[in-house]
Amino acid sequence: MKKDEIFEFFRRLAELNPDPQTELEFKDPYTLVVAVALSAQATDVSVNLATRRLFKVADTPAKMVALGEEGLKDFIKTIGLFNTKAKNVILLSQKLIDEFGGKVPEDRAALESLPGVGRKTANVVLNTAFAQETFAVDTHIFRVGNRTGLAPGKTPLDVELKLEKVVPQPFRRGAHHWLILHGRYICKARKPECWRCPVIDLCAFKPKTPAPTAKSAGSASPAR
């Protein structure tokens, strides 16, 4: 995808959604770290269902440690890998207390030192909580980056570094949100809904998915 096409790609997504936000529910940087850590290999919907109850009881590192690993499991047992995630959330909460004064750090290295926090989670927190221009490459962004030709790469890190290089201002802050939402609702894994894609003419993917027939149109998901 050429430089002018990339600008137009994001311009259109921004026009449709001027203020993109994460679909994970959170109150502050700490609850965001927890929510993102819980979201690995799980849907945002399932995480939100659990954290709505959890954050009423434990929304600070101290409260989470007091709740304990077994207590936390009762709130998140509907989420995949909940045993490991419960252990990590308690450990990261304790580390925040011991080493960071109970505050979530604003730099990548410190964030990645927390149990259960990898590069993608750190990027989400830096972008969403601290307004940094980072690109958190999940499965949606990896797919969109490769399928469209926007940022092809063999690994998530390849795609992230390519996005870092090619995404222009003023779109850098919101880019990863636009790409996630685009991949989640339009450029879907099994069958992209090309017929309602706002950037169809800029995308390298072929063949384009045709519009559903009148018979199946009623089952198509609504435009976002």
Protein backbone atom coordinates (compact mmCIF):
# COMPACT_ATOMS: atom_id res chain seq x y z
CA MET A 1 0.00 0.00 0.00
CA LYS A 2 1.43 3.38 -1.02
CA LYS A 3 1.92 6.34 1.30
CA ASP A 4 -1.05 8.30 -0.02
CA GLU A 5 -3.25 5.20 0.12
CA ILE A 6 -2.32 4.59 3.76
CA PHE A 7 -3.28 8.15 4.64
CA GLU A 8 -6.62 7.74 2.88
CA PHE A 9 -7.14 4.34 4.53
CA PHE A 10 -6.99 5.87 8.01
CA ARG A 11 -8.75 9.06 6.99
CA ARG A 12 -11.84 7.05 6.05
CA LEU A 13 -11.78 4.96 9.22
CA ALA A 14 -11.37 8.13 11.29
CA GLU A 15 -14.25 9.84 9.50
CA LEU A 16 -16.55 6.95 10.39
CA ASN A 17 -15.31 6.68 14.00
CA PRO A 18 -13.56 9.89 15.11
CA ASP A 19 -12.87 8.73 18.67
CA PRO A 20 -12.10 4.99 18.68
CA GLN A 21 -11.94 3.31 22.09
CA THR A 22 -11.13 -0.10 23.46
CA GLU A 23 -14.18 -2.27 24.07
CA LEU A 24 -12.71 -3.48 27.36
CA GLU A 25 -14.32 -1.78 30.36
CA PHE A 26 -11.94 -0.17 32.86
CA LYS A 27 -11.74 2.65 35.39
CA ASP A 28 -8.06 3.59 35.44
CA PRO A 29 -4.62 2.28 34.37
CA TYR A 30 -4.67 -0.51 36.96
CA THR A 31 -8.05 -1.94 35.99
CA LEU A 32 -7.00 -1.62 32.34
CA VAL A 33 -3.88 -3.72 32.97
CA VAL A 34 -6.00 -6.37 34.66
CA ALA A 35 -8.64 -6.35 31.92
CA VAL A 36 -6.09 -6.65 29.13
CA ALA A 37 -4.22 -9.42 30.94
CA LEU A 38 -7.50 -11.32 31.31
CA SER A 39 -8.40 -10.81 27.65
CA ALA A 40 -5.66 -13.07 26.25
CA GLN A 41 -7.38 -15.81 24.21
CA ALA A 42 -10.76 -14.52 25.40
CA THR A 43 -13.33 -12.11 24.04
CA ASP A 44 -13.76 -8.59 25.37
CA VAL A 45 -17.42 -9.44 26.04
CA SER A 46 -16.52 -12.34 28.33
CA VAL A 47 -13.91 -10.26 30.17
CA ASN A 48 -16.33 -7.37 30.70
CA LEU A 49 -18.94 -9.70 32.15
CA ALA A 50 -16.41 -10.88 34.73
CA THR A 51 -14.75 -7.56 35.54
CA ARG A 52 -18.02 -5.69 36.11
CA ARG A 53 -18.39 -7.76 39.25
CA LEU A 54 -14.70 -8.02 40.05
CA PHE A 55 -13.93 -4.31 39.96
CA LYS A 56 -16.73 -3.57 42.43
CA VAL A 57 -14.75 -5.64 44.94
CA ALA A 58 -11.12 -5.24 43.84
CA ASP A 59 -10.17 -2.21 41.78
CA THR A 60 -6.75 -1.47 43.31
CA PRO A 61 -3.62 -3.61 43.70
CA ALA A 62 -4.09 -3.77 47.47
CA LYS A 63 -7.71 -4.90 47.21
CA MET A 64 -6.77 -7.49 44.59
CA VAL A 65 -4.02 -8.95 46.76
CA ALA A 66 -6.43 -9.03 49.69
CA LEU A 67 -8.96 -10.88 47.53
CA GLY A 68 -6.34 -13.53 46.84
CA GLU A 69 -5.85 -16.00 44.04
CA GLU A 70 -8.70 -18.32 45.01
CA GLY A 71 -11.08 -15.43 45.56
CA LEU A 72 -10.16 -13.97 42.16
CA LYS A 73 -10.84 -17.30 40.46
CA ASP A 74 -14.46 -17.14 41.57
CA PHE A 75 -14.89 -13.94 39.54
CA ILE A 76 -13.00 -15.00 36.39
CA LYS A 77 -13.70 -18.74 36.13
CA THR A 78 -15.81 -18.15 32.99
CA ILE A 79 -12.71 -16.84 31.19
CA GLY A 80 -10.26 -19.16 29.45
CA LEU A 81 -6.99 -19.96 31.25
CA PHE A 82 -8.42 -18.45 34.44
CA ASN A 83 -6.08 -20.37 36.76
CA THR A 84 -2.93 -18.93 35.20
CA LYS A 85 -4.50 -15.51 34.81
CA ALA A 86 -5.56 -15.40 38.46
CA LYS A 87 -2.01 -16.23 39.54
CA ASN A 88 -0.53 -13.54 37.29
CA VAL A 89 -2.99 -10.83 38.34
CA ILE A 90 -2.20 -11.39 42.01
CA LEU A 91 1.54 -11.43 41.30
CA LEU A 92 1.45 -8.27 39.17
CA SER A 93 -0.67 -6.53 41.79
CA GLN A 94 1.85 -7.40 44.49
CA LYS A 95 4.72 -6.22 42.31
CA LEU A 96 2.97 -2.90 41.69
CA ILE A 97 2.71 -2.45 45.45
CA ASP A 98 6.28 -3.55 46.19
CA GLU A 99 8.12 -1.80 43.36
CA PHE A 100 5.94 0.94 41.92
CA GLY A 101 4.07 2.40 44.87
CA GLY A 102 0.83 0.83 43.71
CA LYS A 103 0.89 2.82 40.47
CA VAL A 104 1.00 1.46 36.93
CA PRO A 105 4.29 2.51 35.29
CA GLU A 106 4.25 4.50 32.08
CA ASP A 107 7.14 2.85 30.27
CA ARG A 108 7.30 -0.39 28.32
CA ALA A 109 10.17 -2.10 30.13
CA ALA A 110 8.56 -1.62 33.53
CA LEU A 111 5.18 -2.81 32.26
CA GLU A 112 6.70 -5.90 30.66
CA SER A 113 8.36 -6.75 33.96
CA LEU A 114 4.91 -7.40 35.45
CA PRO A 115 3.79 -11.07 35.51
CA GLY A 116 1.42 -11.84 32.65
CA VAL A 117 2.15 -8.59 30.82
CA GLY A 118 3.76 -9.01 27.41
CA ARG A 119 4.49 -6.58 24.62
CA LYS A 120 0.91 -6.46 23.30
CA THR A 121 -0.58 -5.78 26.74
CA ALA A 122 2.05 -3.12 27.42
CA ASN A 123 1.24 -1.44 24.10
CA VAL A 124 -2.49 -1.36 24.88
CA VAL A 125 -1.87 0.20 28.30
CA LEU A 126 0.62 2.75 26.98
CA ASN A 127 -1.78 3.79 24.23
CA THR A 128 -5.10 3.70 26.05
CA ALA A 129 -4.10 4.83 29.54
CA PHE A 130 -1.15 7.09 28.75
CA ALA A 131 -1.90 8.39 25.24
CA GLN A 132 1.30 7.03 23.72
CA GLU A 133 1.51 6.21 20.01
CA THR A 134 1.88 2.44 20.24
CA PHE A 135 0.53 -0.36 18.07
CA ALA A 136 -0.79 -3.40 19.93
CA VAL A 137 -0.90 -6.19 17.36
CA ASP A 138 -3.51 -8.81 18.19
CA THR A 139 -4.95 -11.42 15.83
CA HIS A 140 -7.25 -8.85 14.21
CA ILE A 141 -4.49 -6.35 13.46
CA PHE A 142 -2.14 -9.09 12.29
CA ARG A 143 -4.80 -10.26 9.83
CA VAL A 144 -5.77 -6.79 8.62
CA GLY A 145 -2.16 -5.70 8.25
CA ASN A 146 -1.36 -8.68 6.06
CA ARG A 147 -4.63 -9.05 4.18
CA THR A 148 -4.94 -5.42 3.13
CA GLY A 149 -1.26 -4.92 2.36
CA LEU A 150 -1.08 -2.11 4.92
CA ALA A 151 1.62 -3.72 7.08
CA PRO A 152 2.55 -7.22 5.94
CA GLY A 153 4.71 -9.31 8.24
CA LYS A 154 5.34 -12.89 9.31
CA THR A 155 5.04 -12.19 13.04
CA PRO A 156 3.07 -9.74 15.21
CA LEU A 157 6.30 -7.88 15.91
CA ASP A 158 6.97 -7.56 12.16
CA VAL A 159 3.52 -6.03 11.69
CA GLU A 160 3.96 -3.73 14.69
CA LEU A 161 7.28 -2.40 13.43
CA LYS A 162 5.84 -1.88 9.96
CA LEU A 163 2.88 0.05 11.40
CA GLU A 164 5.31 2.13 13.45
CA LYS A 165 7.03 3.04 10.21
CA VAL A 166 4.07 3.71 7.90
CA VAL A 167 1.15 5.08 9.96
CA PRO A 168 1.04 8.87 9.50
CA GLN A 169 -0.13 11.66 11.74
CA PRO A 170 -2.78 12.50 12.84
CA PHE A 171 -3.80 8.83 12.96
CA ARG A 172 -1.05 7.23 15.05
CA ARG A 173 -2.78 7.43 18.43
CA GLY A 174 -6.01 5.80 17.24
CA ALA A 175 -4.59 3.46 14.59
CA HIS A 176 -4.60 0.23 16.58
CA HIS A 177 -8.19 0.80 17.75
CA TRP A 178 -9.40 1.43 14.21
CA LEU A 179 -7.63 -1.68 12.96
CA ILE A 180 -8.95 -3.90 15.76
CA LEU A 181 -12.52 -2.76 15.20
CA HIS A 182 -12.16 -3.11 11.44
CA GLY A 183 -10.90 -6.67 11.84
CA ARG A 184 -13.51 -7.57 14.43
CA TYR A 185 -16.57 -6.32 12.57
CA ILE A 186 -15.76 -6.08 8.85
CA CYS A 187 -12.46 -7.70 7.84
CA LYS A 188 -13.37 -10.92 9.65
CA ALA A 189 -11.15 -13.98 9.70
CA ARG A 190 -13.30 -16.55 7.96
CA LYS A 191 -15.22 -14.31 5.60
CA PRO A 192 -14.43 -10.61 5.30
CA GLU A 193 -17.48 -8.47 4.57
CA CYS A 194 -15.86 -6.66 1.66
CA TRP A 195 -19.15 -5.40 0.24
CA ARG A 196 -19.53 -2.94 3.12
CA CYS A 197 -15.86 -2.12 3.66
CA PRO A 198 -15.06 1.62 3.54
CA VAL A 199 -11.53 0.97 2.24
CA ILE A 200 -12.32 -1.76 -0.29
CA ASP A 201 -10.63 0.04 -3.18
CA LEU A 202 -7.40 0.48 -1.19
CA CYS A 203 -7.17 -3.13 -0.03
CA ALA A 204 -4.94 -5.71 -1.73
CA PHE A 205 -7.14 -8.68 -0.77
CA LYS A 206 -8.53 -10.69 -3.67
CA PRO A 207 -11.01 -11.99 -4.42
CA LYS A 208 -13.35 -9.58 -2.66
CA THR A 209 -16.27 -11.16 -0.84
CA PRO A 210 -19.46 -10.30 -2.75
CA ALA A 211 -22.55 -8.91 -1.10
CA PRO A 212 -24.95 -11.53 0.24
CA THR A 213 -27.91 -12.45 -1.89
CA ALA A 214 -31.39 -11.25 -0.98
CA LYS A 215 -32.06 -14.66 0.58
CA SER A 216 -29.12 -14.41 2.99
CA ALA A 217 -29.02 -10.63 3.49
CA GLY A 218 -31.08 -10.86 6.64
CA SER A 219 -28.27 -12.75 8.38
CA ALA A 220 -25.59 -10.17 7.57
CA SER A 221 -24.27 -8.26 10.58
CA PRO A 222 -25.12 -4.56 10.79
CA ALA A 223 -22.67 -1.95 9.58
CA ARG A 224 -20.47 -0.42 12.22
